[in-house]
Structures are given as C-alpha cells and as structure tokens.
Amino acid sequence: MAQPPSVRGVADIVALIDGLRTVAGRARLSWYLAFGGLFLDAYANAALSAGLGPMTDQMKLSSTQISVLTATAPFLAIIFNPVGGWLASRIGRVPPLLIAKVFAVAGAVLAAFSGDFTTVWLGRVLVGVAYGVDFAVAMALLAEYTPKASSGRLNLWQAVWYIATTGNLALALGFYNLDVGQDIWRWSLGSAGVIAAVLLVLQWLFLVESPAWLASKGRLPEAVRNLRRMYGIEAVAAEPEAARDGAGAARPAVGFRDAGVLFKGAYLPRTVLSSVISLGQGMQYFAVGWYLPVISLAIFGESFEKATIGSMVFNAVGIAGGLASALFGRKLGLRLSSAYGFGGVFVALVVMGLTFGKAPLVVAFCLPVLFILCHSAGPGANGKSIAALSYTSDVRALGTGVTGMVGSFGSVIGLYVFPQIKESLGLGNTFLVLSVVPLLGMLTCLAVKWDPIQATASPDEAAADGTGSAAPAGTPGTPGSAPFPAAPGSGTAAPLGTGGGKP
C-alpha cells in the first residue's frame, strides 16, 4: 500500500491541490460560498444604484449628498482592501469574511430603516467596510482553493458581478410592480441585508480555512486535516526541514510595514501589471458608466421600467463577457487577454468620441455593448485574478488588498474626475480623453511578460524548489537568510521568467 504524501510546508500543500484537475467535493461548496461574498458585494452596490432615484425624491437629496452616497463604498474600499489583506495574513482567510458579513448586515439594516441622509450614509459606510475587506480576502482564498489547471475560473467573479447587478435590477422591477412607491430603495437595500445574513450563516457553517495559509503559519496538522476535509487528499504532517530554506517553517506575519516587498525583485513587475490593470479597468468602467443610462433611456424609453430593462440588457452583455473571460484567460493567459480587452475598449471609446451625437441609434447602442464586452472579458476580470495568482501564500492577501486599493482609486477617479471633464469638454471629447486609459493599460500588458496562468509552477512551488524567485532578500521569510531560494547555481535571485513563468 502506497505511503500517503508528507507535507512539510506550503509548497507541498500547493502541489497536492495542483495535482487535481478541478474543484470538487467539499472544496466546491467552499468555493461557491467564497464567490457568494463577491455576489453580495456587487449586489449591495447595485442596490443603491437601483433605488437612488426614488431615494433622491423622497429625501430631497442634493447633488452633493448623492455624490457622497455614490462614492462612499469605493472610497472606503481604498482603505479597507489592504486592511482586509492584513487581517487575512494575521488571523486567517475565513474570519475576515465572516466579519465582513456582519458589517454588511448591519449596514443594510441601518440604511433600509433610516429616516434621513446621515443614517443612510452611516449604513453605506458599514457596507463599504464590508466590501473592502471581503473582496481582498475572497480572491486570495479562491486562489488557494483552486488547482492550477482550473485557475482561469477565478475570472468568473466578473460574471458573478454582473449577475448580481442584473438580479438586483430585476428585484427592483418586481418591487416596483408591487406598488411600494418611493420606498422601493428601502426594499432594494434591505434585500442585500437578507443575502448577507444567509451568507454569514452558510460561511460560518461550511467554509474551511485555507490549508496553504495554515501551512504558512507552521500549523501543518491542521493544514493536512483541512486537505482531507476539502479534497479527500490523504496526507501526513511531517517535521519541517530546515534544508528546504524555510519552506516548511512558519513565516513571520506580514503587515503593512512589509508592503514594500510587493515592489521589489520579482514581485515588482507582477504588482505593476496587476495594479495597472485594476486601476485602468476601474477608471474606464466607472467613467463610461455615466454614458450607459443615456443610451438606455434613448433606446428603451424614460419610464422606470423601460430604463431598468435597458440596464439589464447591458448587464447581460457583461455576464457573457465575464463568462468568456475564463476561457480567454485559460487560452491566452491573463496578460494577453487583458491587452486585447483594453485594445477593444480603446477602439470603442475613440469611435464613441468621434461619432457621439452623429451615429445612428443602432450604432450608438452597439458601441457601449462592444465596450462592456471587451471590458468584462478582459481587464475587468483580470485585475483582481492576476493579483491573487501572482504571490506566495504569506503575502497573497496583502497583494490582493493593495491591488484592490489601487482599483478603488480608479473607481473614485472615474466617478469624479471624468464627470468634471465632461462638464468642460462635452461627452464626445470626454470619451477621447478617456481612451488614453485603455491605451496605457494595453501597452503595460504588452511590456510586462509575467502571466501566472502560463507559469510552469505556482509562486509557492517556485519559491520552494528554486525554479524561480518569489521575493527579494530581506523580506519576510526565514530569519537570517533570503526568504525564498535563488536560482540554482547563482548567488542572486533568478530573474523573472527563468523557470517561474514563460517569457
């Protein structure tokens, strides 16, 4: 009878999971529950959008108050994305997700039953905290749950986002037909609280802590036990071997003071790539989002029902693109699929800018459709996925948190800066100015060669077996030595692409 494999550290855990072809068994349930948090994040954001008009009329909100409500969640995500990553590095992946659901429930209840602007805003503050923490941690957890052969499935979060948005719009339409009047926004925001409460219970009951994170903390017996619970993999915890350059030893906790590791050595191009993709997609999506309602109203009419149905049509295109992103990511890699997506968005924006107000209605409709399709099939999904797959377990949550923070900056810029440009230059010229964003994104994707989908080994495995550098010397790792091994036969860290990934 064959001896069960021994586990001495993170690399062994990753190798055993990567030996699987797909996510199955208990792991599949945990995978869907982690994705459920991303669904909630999108749904909670859409809940405000769907009910903002009736809320504005009922509460007599000023334009400044509307802007504050709209930007509260993305602004707080700038702060709480890295906070979520720090928590996940310190206390594990699952506890921050549960904390985020508690904040989401409290925020939804507070907003839904509020009687004034300040109370609604405080509710959105709690929702923004939940959004910032949940997104950073969920992507890190999903990356550690998923075998390398199925890593392209992480891009499905983009389809989940659009499905959640469409679901909230459909629910808002249902509430509208029930004649709830201007209180429709209360039902919309309150329904997000119901989803958060259900997810809180399910995640508390069924989510399993990441075996890779446990191994990174030296908790090998627990890591092996969770491997068995999730995947049915029988393994035994062995004594860590010092000769493996700390691969099995507990690594020091990574905090904010260690964030500089993301901008050194082999991590630098990965951080630049994921950050540029995340920033660019946030700027272009939230800026052009101002134009989509105009198209929707022009095509489908100005009633609440017709405008809502129009928005659902555009979101359906996003669902299709989000589903396609998993295929494109697997076939082309995340880097090239982002480059092609940025290229398509660039073309769409230039043509929209040159033909705005002149093109036939069908063309005016098809151009935003092209924009959403290219966005959701490429950079819209890849900014967060590439960050989750590019770092070793001990800094993965911090990396996804920092990338998420950069993406939230893009959202805020898109929501505020480009409306100002629109005010002074007009909508057509604004599209031309905005086209610089996807152009720079495309050029960055072509210049940086890292792609985790096409890498020959995961960052954790490369760090352990010496086939590629994962971090520069002097960063968190085994005391007194470089935390991850250098390339064989050299005294320095291996350059990017020498074994860790294809050039």
Protein backbone atom coordinates (compact mmCIF):
# COMPACT_ATOMS: atom_id res chain seq x y z
CA MET A 1 0.00 0.00 0.00
CA ALA A 2 1.40 3.38 -1.04
CA GLN A 3 2.50 5.71 1.70
CA PRO A 4 0.49 8.95 1.95
CA PRO A 5 2.48 12.01 0.87
CA SER A 6 4.25 14.04 3.52
CA VAL A 7 3.54 17.74 3.99
CA ARG A 8 6.39 19.91 5.22
CA GLY A 9 5.18 23.32 4.08
CA VAL A 10 3.16 25.48 1.73
CA ALA A 11 4.75 24.14 -1.45
CA ASP A 12 3.66 20.58 -0.61
CA ILE A 13 0.09 21.75 0.02
CA VAL A 14 0.02 23.67 -3.26
CA ALA A 15 1.49 20.73 -5.19
CA LEU A 16 -1.17 18.35 -3.85
CA ILE A 17 -4.01 20.75 -4.73
CA ASP A 18 -2.49 21.47 -8.15
CA GLY A 19 -2.43 17.73 -8.79
CA LEU A 20 -6.22 17.86 -9.05
CA ARG A 21 -7.93 18.69 -12.32
CA THR A 22 -10.85 20.64 -10.88
CA VAL A 23 -12.52 21.82 -7.68
CA ALA A 24 -14.70 19.01 -6.32
CA GLY A 25 -16.38 17.76 -3.16
CA ARG A 26 -16.41 19.95 -0.06
CA ALA A 27 -13.97 22.28 -1.81
CA ARG A 28 -16.61 23.10 -4.41
CA LEU A 29 -19.06 24.18 -1.71
CA SER A 30 -16.41 26.37 -0.07
CA TRP A 31 -15.52 27.78 -3.50
CA TYR A 32 -19.12 28.79 -4.19
CA LEU A 33 -19.54 30.28 -0.72
CA ALA A 34 -16.44 32.45 -1.21
CA PHE A 35 -17.85 33.56 -4.56
CA GLY A 36 -21.11 34.30 -2.74
CA GLY A 37 -19.36 37.14 -0.93
CA LEU A 38 -18.38 38.68 -4.26
CA PHE A 39 -22.01 38.35 -5.38
CA LEU A 40 -23.06 40.23 -2.25
CA ASP A 41 -20.51 43.00 -2.86
CA ALA A 42 -21.89 43.61 -6.35
CA TYR A 43 -25.50 43.28 -5.21
CA ALA A 44 -25.06 45.81 -2.40
CA ASN A 45 -23.54 48.31 -4.81
CA ALA A 46 -26.33 47.79 -7.34
CA ALA A 47 -28.94 48.09 -4.59
CA LEU A 48 -28.08 51.74 -4.09
CA SER A 49 -27.97 52.43 -7.82
CA ALA A 50 -31.38 50.87 -8.47
CA GLY A 51 -33.09 52.87 -5.73
CA LEU A 52 -31.15 56.15 -5.91
CA GLY A 53 -33.79 57.99 -7.97
CA PRO A 54 -36.74 57.26 -5.63
CA MET A 55 -34.50 57.88 -2.58
CA THR A 56 -33.49 61.26 -4.00
CA ASP A 57 -37.12 62.26 -4.49
CA GLN A 58 -38.27 61.01 -1.09
CA MET A 59 -35.42 62.54 0.94
CA LYS A 60 -34.91 65.61 -1.26
CA LEU A 61 -31.20 64.84 -1.61
CA SER A 62 -28.86 67.44 -3.05
CA SER A 63 -26.36 66.63 -5.80
CA THR A 64 -23.58 66.73 -3.21
CA GLN A 65 -25.37 64.22 -0.98
CA ILE A 66 -25.93 61.93 -3.98
CA SER A 67 -22.24 62.10 -4.85
CA VAL A 68 -21.26 61.30 -1.26
CA LEU A 69 -23.56 58.26 -1.14
CA THR A 70 -22.32 57.02 -4.52
CA ALA A 71 -18.63 57.31 -3.65
CA THR A 72 -18.70 56.13 -0.03
CA ALA A 73 -18.23 52.41 -0.75
CA PRO A 74 -15.38 52.72 -3.31
CA PHE A 75 -13.66 55.35 -1.17
CA LEU A 76 -13.73 53.14 1.92
CA ALA A 77 -12.53 50.22 -0.17
CA ILE A 78 -9.33 52.21 -0.74
CA ILE A 79 -8.69 51.91 2.99
CA PHE A 80 -10.19 48.54 3.80
CA ASN A 81 -8.86 46.48 0.88
CA PRO A 82 -5.36 46.48 2.43
CA VAL A 83 -6.86 46.19 5.93
CA GLY A 84 -8.65 43.04 4.79
CA GLY A 85 -5.40 41.71 3.34
CA TRP A 86 -3.58 42.44 6.61
CA LEU A 87 -6.28 40.68 8.64
CA ALA A 88 -6.20 37.66 6.34
CA SER A 89 -2.43 37.39 6.72
CA ARG A 90 -2.67 37.60 10.51
CA ILE A 91 -5.77 35.67 11.57
CA GLY A 92 -6.65 33.56 8.53
CA ARG A 93 -8.85 33.85 5.46
CA VAL A 94 -12.22 32.86 6.93
CA PRO A 95 -12.59 35.17 9.99
CA PRO A 96 -12.36 38.42 7.96
CA LEU A 97 -15.02 37.11 5.58
CA LEU A 98 -17.39 36.49 8.48
CA ILE A 99 -16.63 39.91 9.98
CA ALA A 100 -17.41 41.49 6.61
CA LYS A 101 -20.85 39.81 6.52
CA VAL A 102 -21.67 41.17 9.98
CA PHE A 103 -20.85 44.69 8.76
CA ALA A 104 -22.89 44.11 5.59
CA VAL A 105 -25.97 43.02 7.57
CA ALA A 106 -25.69 45.97 9.96
CA GLY A 107 -25.19 48.44 7.12
CA ALA A 108 -28.14 47.16 5.11
CA VAL A 109 -30.49 47.24 8.10
CA LEU A 110 -29.37 50.73 9.14
CA ALA A 111 -29.82 52.13 5.61
CA ALA A 112 -33.13 50.38 4.88
CA PHE A 113 -34.82 51.70 8.03
CA SER A 114 -33.24 55.15 8.03
CA GLY A 115 -35.22 58.35 8.02
CA ASP A 116 -32.55 60.85 7.00
CA PHE A 117 -29.45 61.22 4.86
CA THR A 118 -26.96 60.82 7.71
CA THR A 119 -28.34 57.44 8.75
CA VAL A 120 -28.36 56.18 5.16
CA TRP A 121 -24.77 57.34 4.80
CA LEU A 122 -23.70 55.56 8.00
CA GLY A 123 -25.27 52.39 6.64
CA ARG A 124 -23.30 52.78 3.41
CA VAL A 125 -20.14 53.30 5.47
CA LEU A 126 -20.61 49.86 7.05
CA VAL A 127 -21.35 48.35 3.64
CA GLY A 128 -18.19 49.97 2.25
CA VAL A 129 -16.09 48.46 5.04
CA ALA A 130 -17.59 45.04 4.28
CA TYR A 131 -16.95 45.47 0.55
CA GLY A 132 -13.32 46.46 1.05
CA VAL A 133 -12.49 43.60 3.42
CA ASP A 134 -14.46 40.90 1.63
CA PHE A 135 -13.17 41.45 -1.88
CA ALA A 136 -9.48 41.41 -0.94
CA VAL A 137 -9.77 38.26 1.17
CA ALA A 138 -12.19 36.30 -1.03
CA MET A 139 -9.92 36.49 -4.08
CA ALA A 140 -6.92 35.30 -2.04
CA LEU A 141 -8.94 32.42 -0.61
CA LEU A 142 -10.29 31.41 -4.03
CA ALA A 143 -6.76 31.36 -5.45
CA GLU A 144 -5.66 29.00 -2.67
CA TYR A 145 -8.69 26.76 -3.08
CA THR A 146 -8.29 26.37 -6.85
CA PRO A 147 -6.00 23.86 -8.64
CA LYS A 148 -3.69 25.43 -11.22
CA ALA A 149 -5.50 23.64 -14.06
CA SER A 150 -8.69 25.49 -13.09
CA SER A 151 -7.14 28.84 -12.13
CA GLY A 152 -8.84 30.56 -15.07
CA ARG A 153 -12.11 30.05 -13.23
CA LEU A 154 -11.20 32.89 -10.89
CA ASN A 155 -12.21 35.24 -13.71
CA LEU A 156 -15.80 34.10 -13.24
CA TRP A 157 -16.07 36.69 -10.47
CA GLN A 158 -16.74 39.22 -13.24
CA ALA A 159 -19.77 37.26 -14.47
CA VAL A 160 -20.92 36.92 -10.85
CA TRP A 161 -20.68 40.71 -10.51
CA TYR A 162 -22.95 41.32 -13.50
CA ILE A 163 -25.34 38.54 -12.46
CA ALA A 164 -25.72 40.17 -9.05
CA THR A 165 -26.31 43.57 -10.62
CA THR A 166 -28.90 42.14 -13.01
CA GLY A 167 -30.57 40.26 -10.16
CA ASN A 168 -30.92 43.41 -8.10
CA LEU A 169 -32.38 45.31 -11.06
CA ALA A 170 -34.89 42.50 -11.64
CA LEU A 171 -35.84 42.54 -7.97
CA ALA A 172 -36.24 46.32 -8.07
CA LEU A 173 -38.54 45.89 -11.06
CA GLY A 174 -40.57 43.36 -9.06
CA PHE A 175 -40.86 45.73 -6.10
CA TYR A 176 -41.93 48.48 -8.50
CA ASN A 177 -44.77 46.31 -9.80
CA LEU A 178 -45.86 45.64 -6.20
CA ASP A 179 -46.57 49.36 -5.86
CA VAL A 180 -44.21 50.01 -2.97
CA GLY A 181 -43.83 53.55 -4.26
CA GLN A 182 -40.79 55.63 -3.38
CA ASP A 183 -39.90 53.15 -0.63
CA ILE A 184 -38.52 50.88 -3.34
CA TRP A 185 -35.00 51.85 -2.30
CA ARG A 186 -35.62 50.50 1.22
CA TRP A 187 -36.61 47.13 -0.21
CA SER A 188 -33.61 47.12 -2.52
CA LEU A 189 -31.10 47.91 0.24
CA GLY A 190 -32.84 45.62 2.73
CA SER A 191 -32.69 42.64 0.37
CA ALA A 192 -28.89 42.96 0.40
CA GLY A 193 -29.02 42.53 4.17
CA VAL A 194 -31.04 39.31 3.82
CA ILE A 195 -28.45 37.88 1.40
CA ALA A 196 -25.63 38.93 3.75
CA ALA A 197 -27.32 37.21 6.72
CA VAL A 198 -27.80 33.97 4.78
CA LEU A 199 -24.17 34.04 3.62
CA LEU A 200 -22.95 34.73 7.16
CA VAL A 201 -24.65 31.57 8.44
CA LEU A 202 -23.55 29.39 5.50
CA GLN A 203 -19.94 30.60 5.54
CA TRP A 204 -19.73 30.14 9.31
CA LEU A 205 -21.03 26.58 9.00
CA PHE A 206 -19.23 25.36 5.89
CA LEU A 207 -16.20 27.49 4.95
CA VAL A 208 -12.89 25.73 5.58
CA GLU A 209 -9.71 27.62 6.39
CA SER A 210 -7.12 27.63 3.63
CA PRO A 211 -4.65 24.74 4.04
CA ALA A 212 -1.96 26.88 2.39
CA TRP A 213 -2.40 29.66 4.96
CA LEU A 214 -2.28 27.16 7.82
CA ALA A 215 0.90 25.66 6.42
CA SER A 216 2.45 29.12 6.06
CA LYS A 217 1.94 29.52 9.82
CA GLY A 218 3.54 26.17 10.58
CA ARG A 219 0.19 24.60 11.54
CA LEU A 220 0.80 21.50 9.44
CA PRO A 221 -1.54 19.06 11.27
CA GLU A 222 -4.47 21.46 10.74
CA ALA A 223 -3.43 22.02 7.12
CA VAL A 224 -3.40 18.27 6.46
CA ARG A 225 -6.77 17.86 8.18
CA ASN A 226 -8.33 20.56 6.00
CA LEU A 227 -6.84 18.96 2.89
CA ARG A 228 -8.71 15.79 3.82
CA ARG A 229 -11.96 17.64 4.62
CA MET A 230 -11.98 19.64 1.41
CA TYR A 231 -10.43 17.44 -1.24
CA GLY A 232 -10.31 13.96 0.27
CA ILE A 233 -6.50 14.06 -0.02
CA GLU A 234 -4.81 11.76 2.49
CA ALA A 235 -1.51 13.22 3.62
CA VAL A 236 0.57 13.30 6.78
CA ALA A 237 2.22 16.22 8.52
CA ALA A 238 5.98 15.82 8.66
CA GLU A 239 8.64 17.72 10.54
CA PRO A 240 9.66 20.86 8.63
CA GLU A 241 13.09 20.55 7.05
CA ALA A 242 15.44 23.44 7.59
CA ALA A 243 17.29 22.40 4.45
CA ARG A 244 14.31 23.45 2.41
CA ASP A 245 15.12 27.11 3.01
CA GLY A 246 12.24 27.67 5.34
CA ALA A 247 9.56 26.21 3.05
CA GLY A 248 8.08 24.29 5.93
CA ALA A 249 8.79 26.70 8.72
CA ALA A 250 6.28 29.23 9.89
CA ARG A 251 6.87 32.53 8.19
CA PRO A 252 6.58 35.75 10.16
CA ALA A 253 3.25 37.52 9.84
CA VAL A 254 3.21 40.05 7.02
CA GLY A 255 1.93 43.50 8.00
CA PHE A 256 1.60 46.93 6.44
CA ARG A 257 5.26 47.67 7.13
CA ASP A 258 6.14 44.82 4.77
CA ALA A 259 4.09 46.16 1.84
CA GLY A 260 7.33 47.29 0.20
CA VAL A 261 8.04 43.64 -0.66
CA LEU A 262 5.39 43.90 -3.37
CA PHE A 263 7.53 46.48 -5.18
CA LYS A 264 10.87 44.66 -5.08
CA GLY A 265 12.57 41.93 -7.05
CA ALA A 266 10.38 39.52 -8.98
CA TYR A 267 7.24 40.89 -7.33
CA LEU A 268 7.68 44.36 -8.85
CA PRO A 269 6.51 43.62 -12.43
CA ARG A 270 3.66 41.49 -11.09
CA THR A 271 2.47 44.30 -8.82
CA VAL A 272 2.81 46.87 -11.60
CA LEU A 273 0.85 44.69 -14.03
CA SER A 274 -2.00 43.83 -11.66
CA SER A 275 -2.20 47.40 -10.36
CA VAL A 276 -2.32 48.97 -13.82
CA ILE A 277 -5.00 46.53 -14.97
CA SER A 278 -7.03 47.13 -11.82
CA LEU A 279 -6.63 50.93 -11.98
CA GLY A 280 -7.40 51.10 -15.70
CA GLN A 281 -10.48 48.93 -15.59
CA GLY A 282 -11.86 50.88 -12.62
CA MET A 283 -11.37 54.24 -14.33
CA GLN A 284 -12.82 53.24 -17.68
CA TYR A 285 -15.82 51.34 -16.31
CA PHE A 286 -17.00 53.91 -13.78
CA ALA A 287 -16.40 56.80 -16.18
CA VAL A 288 -18.32 55.30 -19.08
CA GLY A 289 -21.00 54.16 -16.65
CA TRP A 290 -22.23 57.74 -16.80
CA TYR A 291 -23.00 57.28 -20.50
CA LEU A 292 -24.82 53.96 -20.35
CA PRO A 293 -28.01 55.36 -18.75
CA VAL A 294 -28.21 57.89 -21.61
CA ILE A 295 -28.12 55.06 -24.15
CA SER A 296 -30.61 53.04 -22.13
CA LEU A 297 -33.09 55.90 -21.89
CA ALA A 298 -32.72 56.75 -25.59
CA ILE A 299 -33.43 53.20 -26.70
CA PHE A 300 -35.84 51.83 -24.13
CA GLY A 301 -37.72 54.94 -23.04
CA GLU A 302 -37.74 57.17 -19.99
CA SER A 303 -40.03 55.21 -17.68
CA PHE A 304 -38.57 53.41 -14.66
CA GLU A 305 -39.50 50.02 -16.11
CA LYS A 306 -38.02 50.62 -19.55
CA ALA A 307 -34.85 52.21 -18.21
CA THR A 308 -34.37 49.29 -15.79
CA ILE A 309 -34.87 46.74 -18.56
CA GLY A 310 -32.35 48.63 -20.67
CA SER A 311 -29.80 48.48 -17.89
CA MET A 312 -30.44 44.73 -17.56
CA VAL A 313 -29.70 44.33 -21.29
CA PHE A 314 -26.29 45.98 -20.88
CA ASN A 315 -25.57 43.86 -17.80
CA ALA A 316 -26.45 40.71 -19.75
CA VAL A 317 -23.62 41.61 -22.12
CA GLY A 318 -21.36 41.89 -19.06
CA ILE A 319 -22.42 38.40 -17.93
CA ALA A 320 -21.48 36.98 -21.35
CA GLY A 321 -18.12 38.75 -21.26
CA GLY A 322 -17.45 37.63 -17.70
CA LEU A 323 -18.12 34.00 -18.62
CA ALA A 324 -15.90 34.33 -21.69
CA SER A 325 -13.08 35.80 -19.59
CA ALA A 326 -12.45 32.40 -18.01
CA LEU A 327 -11.97 30.86 -21.47
CA PHE A 328 -9.81 33.69 -22.77
CA GLY A 329 -7.74 33.68 -19.60
CA ARG A 330 -7.07 29.96 -19.97
CA LYS A 331 -6.28 30.13 -23.70
CA LEU A 332 -4.37 33.41 -23.91
CA GLY A 333 -3.27 34.00 -20.33
CA LEU A 334 -4.45 36.87 -18.15
CA ARG A 335 -1.89 39.31 -19.53
CA LEU A 336 -2.72 38.98 -23.23
CA SER A 337 -6.47 38.71 -22.69
CA SER A 338 -6.22 41.99 -20.75
CA ALA A 339 -4.22 43.57 -23.57
CA TYR A 340 -6.80 42.54 -26.18
CA GLY A 341 -9.63 43.72 -23.92
CA PHE A 342 -8.00 47.10 -23.38
CA GLY A 343 -7.47 47.35 -27.15
CA GLY A 344 -11.16 46.72 -27.83
CA VAL A 345 -12.18 49.29 -25.22
CA PHE A 346 -9.76 51.82 -26.75
CA VAL A 347 -11.32 51.38 -30.19
CA ALA A 348 -14.86 51.63 -28.77
CA LEU A 349 -14.08 54.85 -26.88
CA VAL A 350 -12.39 56.52 -29.85
CA VAL A 351 -15.30 55.71 -32.16
CA MET A 352 -17.82 56.78 -29.48
CA GLY A 353 -15.98 60.07 -29.12
CA LEU A 354 -15.78 60.76 -32.85
CA THR A 355 -19.39 59.80 -33.61
CA PHE A 356 -21.21 60.95 -30.49
CA GLY A 357 -24.47 62.63 -31.42
CA LYS A 358 -23.98 61.76 -35.10
CA ALA A 359 -24.21 57.96 -35.29
CA PRO A 360 -27.48 56.11 -35.94
CA LEU A 361 -29.20 54.80 -32.84
CA VAL A 362 -28.25 51.18 -33.54
CA VAL A 363 -24.56 52.16 -33.76
CA ALA A 364 -24.88 54.25 -30.60
CA PHE A 365 -26.22 51.11 -28.89
CA CYS A 366 -23.61 48.70 -30.29
CA LEU A 367 -20.59 50.77 -29.25
CA PRO A 368 -21.30 50.59 -25.49
CA VAL A 369 -22.07 46.90 -25.96
CA LEU A 370 -18.60 46.47 -27.50
CA PHE A 371 -17.13 48.44 -24.61
CA ILE A 372 -18.79 46.27 -21.94
CA LEU A 373 -17.96 43.02 -23.75
CA CYS A 374 -14.25 43.85 -24.15
CA HIS A 375 -14.06 45.23 -20.61
CA SER A 376 -15.70 42.29 -18.88
CA ALA A 377 -13.95 39.62 -20.99
CA GLY A 378 -10.51 41.11 -20.35
CA PRO A 379 -9.24 43.69 -17.83
CA GLY A 380 -12.50 43.90 -15.86
CA ALA A 381 -11.93 40.36 -14.58
CA ASN A 382 -8.16 40.05 -14.74
CA GLY A 383 -7.01 42.86 -12.47
CA LYS A 384 -8.03 41.00 -9.33
CA SER A 385 -7.41 37.48 -10.63
CA ILE A 386 -3.82 38.12 -11.68
CA ALA A 387 -3.03 39.62 -8.26
CA ALA A 388 -4.49 36.61 -6.44
CA LEU A 389 -2.36 34.22 -8.52
CA SER A 390 0.94 36.12 -8.55
CA TYR A 391 2.09 35.99 -4.93
CA THR A 392 3.12 33.37 -2.41
CA SER A 393 0.65 32.49 0.35
CA ASP A 394 2.22 34.67 3.03
CA VAL A 395 1.80 37.88 1.02
CA ARG A 396 -1.11 36.93 -1.26
CA ALA A 397 -3.83 38.63 0.79
CA LEU A 398 -1.69 41.75 1.18
CA GLY A 399 -1.08 41.77 -2.59
CA THR A 400 -4.75 41.44 -3.46
CA GLY A 401 -5.56 44.11 -0.88
CA VAL A 402 -3.11 46.61 -2.35
CA THR A 403 -4.30 45.88 -5.89
CA GLY A 404 -7.89 46.29 -4.76
CA MET A 405 -6.99 49.62 -3.18
CA VAL A 406 -5.48 50.81 -6.46
CA GLY A 407 -8.60 49.66 -8.33
CA SER A 408 -10.78 51.61 -5.90
CA PHE A 409 -8.73 54.71 -6.67
CA GLY A 410 -9.65 54.10 -10.30
CA SER A 411 -13.32 53.87 -9.38
CA VAL A 412 -13.22 57.16 -7.48
CA ILE A 413 -11.36 58.87 -10.32
CA GLY A 414 -13.87 57.55 -12.83
CA LEU A 415 -16.81 58.71 -10.75
CA TYR A 416 -15.48 62.20 -10.03
CA VAL A 417 -12.74 63.36 -12.38
CA PHE A 418 -14.28 62.41 -15.69
CA PRO A 419 -17.69 63.99 -14.93
CA GLN A 420 -15.72 67.20 -14.41
CA ILE A 421 -14.04 66.76 -17.80
CA LYS A 422 -17.46 66.08 -19.30
CA GLU A 423 -18.73 69.35 -17.87
CA SER A 424 -15.99 71.35 -19.57
CA LEU A 425 -15.31 69.40 -22.79
CA GLY A 426 -18.59 67.65 -23.54
CA LEU A 427 -19.31 63.92 -23.62
CA GLY A 428 -17.76 63.15 -27.02
CA ASN A 429 -14.42 64.75 -26.18
CA THR A 430 -14.51 63.08 -22.75
CA PHE A 431 -14.53 59.66 -24.45
CA LEU A 432 -11.48 60.69 -26.47
CA VAL A 433 -9.64 61.79 -23.34
CA LEU A 434 -10.66 58.62 -21.53
CA SER A 435 -9.33 56.45 -24.39
CA VAL A 436 -5.82 57.17 -23.08
CA VAL A 437 -6.58 54.90 -20.09
CA PRO A 438 -7.10 51.61 -22.01
CA LEU A 439 -4.25 52.55 -24.38
CA LEU A 440 -1.82 52.79 -21.47
CA GLY A 441 -3.26 49.61 -20.00
CA MET A 442 -2.72 47.74 -23.25
CA LEU A 443 0.88 48.97 -23.57
CA THR A 444 1.64 47.93 -19.98
CA CYS A 445 0.24 44.44 -20.59
CA LEU A 446 2.42 44.07 -23.68
CA ALA A 447 5.52 45.33 -21.86
CA VAL A 448 5.30 43.17 -18.70
CA LYS A 449 5.73 39.48 -19.50
CA TRP A 450 4.53 37.84 -16.28
CA ASP A 451 1.46 35.61 -16.52
CA PRO A 452 0.53 33.19 -13.69
CA ILE A 453 -1.69 31.09 -15.96
CA GLN A 454 1.28 30.29 -18.22
CA ALA A 455 3.83 29.88 -15.42
CA THR A 456 5.39 26.43 -15.13
CA ALA A 457 4.97 26.49 -11.34
CA SER A 458 2.92 28.40 -8.80
CA PRO A 459 4.76 31.12 -6.81
CA ASP A 460 4.80 28.88 -3.71
CA GLU A 461 6.21 25.90 -5.60
CA ALA A 462 8.79 28.05 -7.40
CA ALA A 463 9.86 29.52 -4.08
CA ALA A 464 10.36 26.09 -2.55
CA ASP A 465 12.11 24.25 -5.37
CA GLY A 466 14.36 27.08 -6.52
CA THR A 467 12.96 27.31 -10.06
CA GLY A 468 12.14 30.97 -9.71
CA SER A 469 12.35 33.85 -7.30
CA ALA A 470 9.28 34.90 -5.44
CA ALA A 471 10.60 37.78 -3.36
CA PRO A 472 13.80 39.69 -2.79
CA ALA A 473 16.15 39.07 0.09
CA GLY A 474 15.43 40.89 3.29
CA THR A 475 11.68 40.43 3.16
CA PRO A 476 9.55 38.22 5.42
CA GLY A 477 10.90 34.70 5.45
CA THR A 478 13.36 32.55 7.31
CA PRO A 479 15.37 34.69 9.74
CA GLY A 480 18.91 35.34 8.67
CA SER A 481 18.52 34.33 5.05
CA ALA A 482 16.69 35.18 1.89
CA PRO A 483 13.10 34.02 2.43
CA PHE A 484 12.93 32.16 -0.85
CA PRO A 485 15.71 30.39 -2.70
CA ALA A 486 17.68 31.92 -5.52
CA ALA A 487 18.12 30.30 -8.88
CA PRO A 488 20.28 27.18 -8.74
CA GLY A 489 23.92 27.89 -9.17
CA SER A 490 23.69 31.62 -8.65
CA GLY A 491 24.18 33.96 -5.79
CA THR A 492 21.25 36.17 -6.70
CA ALA A 493 17.58 35.78 -7.18
CA ALA A 494 16.52 34.32 -10.50
CA PRO A 495 15.20 36.89 -12.96
CA LEU A 496 11.53 36.85 -13.79
CA GLY A 497 10.74 34.19 -16.34
CA THR A 498 13.60 31.79 -15.55
CA GLY A 499 11.52 28.82 -14.61
CA GLY A 500 8.81 30.73 -12.72
CA GLY A 501 6.95 31.62 -15.89
CA LYS A 502 7.18 31.72 -19.64
CA PRO A 503 8.59 34.93 -21.17
